[in-house]
C-alpha atoms as a PDB file:
ATOM      1  CA  MET A   1       0.000   0.000   0.000  1.00  0.00           C
ATOM      2  CA  PHE A   2       1.292   3.432  -0.906  1.00  0.00           C
ATOM      3  CA  VAL A   3       0.107   6.824   0.395  1.00  0.00           C
ATOM      4  CA  GLY A   4       0.806  10.087  -1.400  1.00  0.00           C
ATOM      5  CA  SER A   5      -0.711  12.786  -3.538  1.00  0.00           C
ATOM      6  CA  ALA A   6       0.741  11.338  -6.784  1.00  0.00           C
ATOM      7  CA  SER A   7       2.849   8.421  -7.957  1.00  0.00           C
ATOM      8  CA  ASP A   8       5.980  10.559  -7.748  1.00  0.00           C
ATOM      9  CA  ASP A   9       5.091  11.840  -4.233  1.00  0.00           C
ATOM     10  CA  ILE A  10       4.854   8.688  -2.065  1.00  0.00           C
ATOM     11  CA  ARG A  11       4.911   9.696   1.628  1.00  0.00           C
ATOM     12  CA  ALA A  12       4.224   6.390   3.332  1.00  0.00           C
ATOM     13  CA  ARG A  13       4.398   2.701   2.525  1.00  0.00           C
ATOM     14  CA  GLY A  14       2.884  -0.269   4.257  1.00  0.00           C
ATOM     15  CA  SER A  15       1.448  -3.685   3.734  1.00  0.00           C
ATOM     16  CA  ILE A  16      -1.882  -5.289   4.518  1.00  0.00           C
ATOM     17  CA  ARG A  17      -2.251  -8.981   5.293  1.00  0.00           C
ATOM     18  CA  VAL A  18      -5.388 -10.591   3.943  1.00  0.00           C
ATOM     19  CA  ASP A  19      -6.176 -14.097   5.127  1.00  0.00           C
ATOM     20  CA  GLY A  20      -8.105 -16.052   2.522  1.00  0.00           C
ATOM     21  CA  GLU A  21      -9.447 -19.541   2.379  1.00  0.00           C
ATOM     22  CA  LYS A  22      -7.123 -22.440   1.645  1.00  0.00           C
ATOM     23  CA  ILE A  23      -8.337 -24.087  -1.519  1.00  0.00           C
ATOM     24  CA  PRO A  24      -8.221 -27.870  -1.149  1.00  0.00           C
ATOM     25  CA  PRO A  25      -6.896 -30.173  -3.884  1.00  0.00           C
ATOM     26  CA  ARG A  26      -9.364 -30.869  -6.682  1.00  0.00           C
ATOM     27  CA  ASP A  27     -11.510 -33.969  -6.183  1.00  0.00           C
ATOM     28  CA  LEU A  28     -12.328 -35.603  -9.531  1.00  0.00           C
ATOM     29  CA  SER A  29     -14.201 -38.493  -7.899  1.00  0.00           C
ATOM     30  CA  ALA A  30     -17.344 -36.442  -8.465  1.00  0.00           C
ATOM     31  CA  GLU A  31     -18.485 -35.933 -12.037  1.00  0.00           C
ATOM     32  CA  THR A  32     -16.610 -32.850 -13.285  1.00  0.00           C
ATOM     33  CA  ARG A  33     -17.450 -30.888 -16.413  1.00  0.00           C
ATOM     34  CA  ALA A  34     -14.669 -30.665 -19.004  1.00  0.00           C
ATOM     35  CA  VAL A  35     -15.311 -26.918 -19.387  1.00  0.00           C
ATOM     36  CA  ASP A  36     -14.165 -26.538 -15.756  1.00  0.00           C
ATOM     37  CA  ALA A  37     -10.611 -27.561 -16.709  1.00  0.00           C
ATOM     38  CA  ASP A  38      -7.830 -25.222 -15.624  1.00  0.00           C
ATOM     39  CA  ASP A  39      -5.924 -25.065 -18.915  1.00  0.00           C
ATOM     40  CA  TRP A  40      -6.061 -26.362 -22.491  1.00  0.00           C
ATOM     41  CA  SER A  41      -4.261 -26.248 -25.818  1.00  0.00           C
ATOM     42  CA  TRP A  42      -5.865 -22.986 -26.920  1.00  0.00           C
ATOM     43  CA  SER A  43      -5.482 -23.328 -30.690  1.00  0.00           C
ATOM     44  CA  GLU A  44      -7.016 -26.810 -30.834  1.00  0.00           C
ATOM     45  CA  ILE A  45      -9.954 -26.580 -28.390  1.00  0.00           C
ATOM     46  CA  GLU A  46     -13.458 -25.247 -28.965  1.00  0.00           C
ATOM     47  CA  LEU A  47     -16.220 -24.628 -26.454  1.00  0.00           C
ATOM     48  CA  LEU A  48     -19.337 -26.086 -28.068  1.00  0.00           C
ATOM     49  CA  ASP A  49     -22.987 -26.649 -27.243  1.00  0.00           C
ATOM     50  CA  ARG A  50     -23.805 -29.946 -25.477  1.00  0.00           C
ATOM     51  CA  SER A  51     -27.161 -30.154 -27.217  1.00  0.00           C
ATOM     52  CA  ARG A  52     -29.063 -27.903 -29.557  1.00  0.00           C
ATOM     53  CA  SER A  53     -30.555 -26.099 -26.569  1.00  0.00           C
ATOM     54  CA  GLU A  54     -28.265 -26.378 -23.538  1.00  0.00           C
ATOM     55  CA  GLY A  55     -24.882 -26.804 -21.922  1.00  0.00           C
ATOM     56  CA  THR A  56     -21.263 -26.442 -22.937  1.00  0.00           C
ATOM     57  CA  VAL A  57     -18.727 -29.127 -23.788  1.00  0.00           C
ATOM     58  CA  VAL A  58     -15.120 -29.128 -24.954  1.00  0.00           C
ATOM     59  CA  GLY A  59     -14.528 -29.962 -28.614  1.00  0.00           C
ATOM     60  CA  MET A  60     -11.130 -31.616 -29.024  1.00  0.00           C
ATOM     61  CA  THR A  61      -9.157 -32.547 -32.139  1.00  0.00           C
ATOM     62  CA  ASP A  62      -6.096 -34.720 -32.752  1.00  0.00           C
ATOM     63  CA  GLY A  63      -3.318 -33.773 -30.329  1.00  0.00           C
ATOM     64  CA  SER A  64      -5.398 -31.369 -28.258  1.00  0.00           C
ATOM     65  CA  TRP A  65      -5.399 -31.506 -24.469  1.00  0.00           C
ATOM     66  CA  LEU A  66      -6.971 -30.039 -21.386  1.00  0.00           C
ATOM     67  CA  SER A  67      -5.696 -30.169 -17.817  1.00  0.00           C
ATOM     68  CA  PHE A  68      -6.988 -30.175 -14.269  1.00  0.00           C
ATOM     69  CA  ALA A  69      -4.527 -28.678 -11.771  1.00  0.00           C
ATOM     70  CA  ASP A  70      -3.886 -29.713  -8.180  1.00  0.00           C
ATOM     71  CA  VAL A  71      -5.782 -33.016  -8.413  1.00  0.00           C
ATOM     72  CA  ASP A  72      -6.044 -35.252  -5.351  1.00  0.00           C
ATOM     73  CA  LEU A  73      -5.105 -38.802  -6.416  1.00  0.00           C
ATOM     74  CA  ARG A  74      -4.501 -40.145  -2.900  1.00  0.00           C
ATOM     75  CA  SER A  75      -7.458 -42.539  -3.260  1.00  0.00           C
ATOM     76  CA  LYS A  76      -5.493 -44.227  -6.108  1.00  0.00           C
ATOM     77  CA  PRO A  77      -8.310 -44.344  -8.683  1.00  0.00           C
ATOM     78  CA  THR A  78      -8.351 -47.422 -10.907  1.00  0.00           C
ATOM     79  CA  GLU A  79     -10.930 -46.237 -13.432  1.00  0.00           C
ATOM     80  CA  ALA A  80     -12.035 -43.070 -15.161  1.00  0.00           C
ATOM     81  CA  THR A  81     -15.387 -42.510 -16.804  1.00  0.00           C
ATOM     82  CA  VAL A  82     -15.765 -39.879 -19.503  1.00  0.00           C
ATOM     83  CA  SER A  83     -18.898 -38.718 -21.280  1.00  0.00           C
ATOM     84  CA  VAL A  84     -18.117 -38.221 -24.972  1.00  0.00           C
ATOM     85  CA  ALA A  85     -19.811 -37.736 -28.337  1.00  0.00           C
ATOM     86  CA  ARG A  86     -18.454 -38.409 -31.831  1.00  0.00           C
ATOM     87  CA  ALA A  87     -20.167 -38.452 -35.207  1.00  0.00           C
ATOM     88  CA  ASP A  88     -17.185 -39.771 -37.205  1.00  0.00           C
ATOM     89  CA  ASP A  89     -16.554 -43.476 -37.796  1.00  0.00           C
ATOM     90  CA  GLY A  90     -12.757 -43.085 -37.930  1.00  0.00           C
ATOM     91  CA  ALA A  91     -10.383 -43.974 -35.126  1.00  0.00           C
ATOM     92  CA  ALA A  92     -10.023 -41.723 -32.082  1.00  0.00           C
ATOM     93  CA  ALA A  93      -8.545 -42.307 -28.650  1.00  0.00           C
ATOM     94  CA  LEU A  94      -8.569 -40.493 -25.339  1.00  0.00           C
ATOM     95  CA  GLU A  95      -5.656 -40.635 -22.884  1.00  0.00           C
ATOM     96  CA  LEU A  96      -5.148 -39.579 -19.292  1.00  0.00           C
ATOM     97  CA  ARG A  97      -1.619 -38.395 -18.505  1.00  0.00           C
ATOM     98  CA  ARG A  98       0.104 -37.022 -15.422  1.00  0.00           C
ATOM     99  CA  GLY A  99       2.152 -33.821 -15.359  1.00  0.00           C
ATOM    100  CA  SER A 100       2.036 -32.836 -19.043  1.00  0.00           C
ATOM    101  CA  PRO A 101       0.349 -33.804 -22.332  1.00  0.00           C
ATOM    102  CA  SER A 102       3.277 -36.174 -22.956  1.00  0.00           C
ATOM    103  CA  GLY A 103       3.746 -37.208 -19.303  1.00  0.00           C
ATOM    104  CA  PRO A 104       3.320 -40.715 -17.877  1.00  0.00           C
ATOM    105  CA  LEU A 105       0.314 -42.505 -19.386  1.00  0.00           C
ATOM    106  CA  LEU A 106      -2.326 -43.348 -16.773  1.00  0.00           C
ATOM    107  CA  GLY A 107      -4.960 -44.784 -19.109  1.00  0.00           C
ATOM    108  CA  ARG A 108      -6.179 -44.924 -22.702  1.00  0.00           C
ATOM    109  CA  THR A 109      -9.410 -45.858 -24.445  1.00  0.00           C
ATOM    110  CA  ALA A 110     -10.733 -45.902 -27.975  1.00  0.00           C
ATOM    111  CA  VAL A 111     -13.598 -43.488 -28.541  1.00  0.00           C
ATOM    112  CA  PRO A 112     -16.071 -45.045 -30.976  1.00  0.00           C
ATOM    113  CA  SER A 113     -18.676 -43.070 -32.882  1.00  0.00           C
ATOM    114  CA  THR A 114     -21.825 -42.359 -30.881  1.00  0.00           C
ATOM    115  CA  GLY A 115     -23.663 -41.646 -34.142  1.00  0.00           C
ATOM    116  CA  ASP A 116     -24.182 -37.921 -33.620  1.00  0.00           C
ATOM    117  CA  ILE A 117     -22.356 -34.951 -32.099  1.00  0.00           C
ATOM    118  CA  TYR A 118     -25.265 -34.568 -29.636  1.00  0.00           C
ATOM    119  CA  GLU A 119     -25.427 -38.249 -28.649  1.00  0.00           C
ATOM    120  CA  TYR A 120     -23.264 -38.791 -25.556  1.00  0.00           C
ATOM    121  CA  ALA A 121     -22.046 -42.119 -24.207  1.00  0.00           C
ATOM    122  CA  GLU A 122     -19.917 -42.981 -21.212  1.00  0.00           C
ATOM    123  CA  GLN A 123     -16.548 -44.624 -21.804  1.00  0.00           C
ATOM    124  CA  THR A 124     -14.721 -46.248 -18.906  1.00  0.00           C
ATOM    125  CA  LEU A 125     -10.976 -46.721 -18.999  1.00  0.00           C
ATOM    126  CA  SER A 126      -8.582 -48.465 -16.647  1.00  0.00           C
ATOM    127  CA  VAL A 127      -6.225 -46.156 -14.776  1.00  0.00           C
ATOM    128  CA  THR A 128      -2.830 -47.196 -13.393  1.00  0.00           C
ATOM    129  CA  GLY A 129      -0.185 -45.145 -11.613  1.00  0.00           C
ATOM    130  CA  ALA A 130      -2.552 -42.383 -10.459  1.00  0.00           C
ATOM    131  CA  ILE A 131      -1.236 -41.637  -6.978  1.00  0.00           C
ATOM    132  CA  GLY A 132      -0.391 -38.642  -4.853  1.00  0.00           C
ATOM    133  CA  ASN A 133      -1.655 -35.152  -4.234  1.00  0.00           C
ATOM    134  CA  ASN A 134      -1.299 -31.843  -6.060  1.00  0.00           C
ATOM    135  CA  ARG A 135      -0.981 -33.571  -9.437  1.00  0.00           C
ATOM    136  CA  GLU A 136      -1.835 -32.134 -12.806  1.00  0.00           C
ATOM    137  CA  LEU A 137      -4.076 -34.465 -14.813  1.00  0.00           C
ATOM    138  CA  TYR A 138      -4.198 -34.135 -18.616  1.00  0.00           C
ATOM    139  CA  VAL A 139      -6.857 -35.410 -21.012  1.00  0.00           C
ATOM    140  CA  VAL A 140      -5.351 -35.845 -24.494  1.00  0.00           C
ATOM    141  CA  VAL A 141      -7.178 -36.772 -27.713  1.00  0.00           C
ATOM    142  CA  HIS A 142      -5.619 -38.598 -30.671  1.00  0.00           C
ATOM    143  CA  GLY A 143      -7.305 -39.216 -34.005  1.00  0.00           C
ATOM    144  CA  GLY A 144     -10.707 -37.733 -34.820  1.00  0.00           C
ATOM    145  CA  ASP A 145     -12.841 -35.048 -33.250  1.00  0.00           C
ATOM    146  CA  VAL A 146     -14.269 -35.730 -29.788  1.00  0.00           C
ATOM    147  CA  ARG A 147     -16.747 -33.751 -27.705  1.00  0.00           C
ATOM    148  CA  LEU A 148     -15.893 -34.210 -24.015  1.00  0.00           C
ATOM    149  CA  HIS A 149     -18.637 -33.432 -21.518  1.00  0.00           C
ATOM    150  CA  THR A 150     -17.555 -34.875 -18.139  1.00  0.00           C
ATOM    151  CA  ILE A 151     -14.847 -36.867 -16.383  1.00  0.00           C
ATOM    152  CA  ARG A 152     -14.976 -38.840 -13.135  1.00  0.00           C
ATOM    153  CA  LEU A 153     -12.220 -40.845 -11.389  1.00  0.00           C
ATOM    154  CA  GLU A 154     -13.208 -43.960  -9.480  1.00  0.00           C
END
């Protein structure tokens, strides 16, 4: 904090301590919307409509990623369930990685066509090596376009 009549006339300086809440690690054991991710590959991600009348999902293309920061993996999840939609028949896969988009692979699943971009289906994938606290969890897509609605670790 500065006190003075102008920026070149500072007469007193001080500091103020503000105690805020401590934000706990992120718990992905509850269904979490993809749009609530903390970061993503900006040039390859689109925020899209979940249906023709509601919601928002993350549209991902080959090589795109999104991340959830400060994730609590102390429960050592063994599965992840994602809600996805795809209209294309071509190959696509979704990966979970720790630390970076190319970090250690925690799990991978093929994402088949759901028949329509507004038709969502849950995909469950096995997860190994997901341990610890304050981890950054990445969702990475390879192959075709995927609409990601939610993720849940179990």
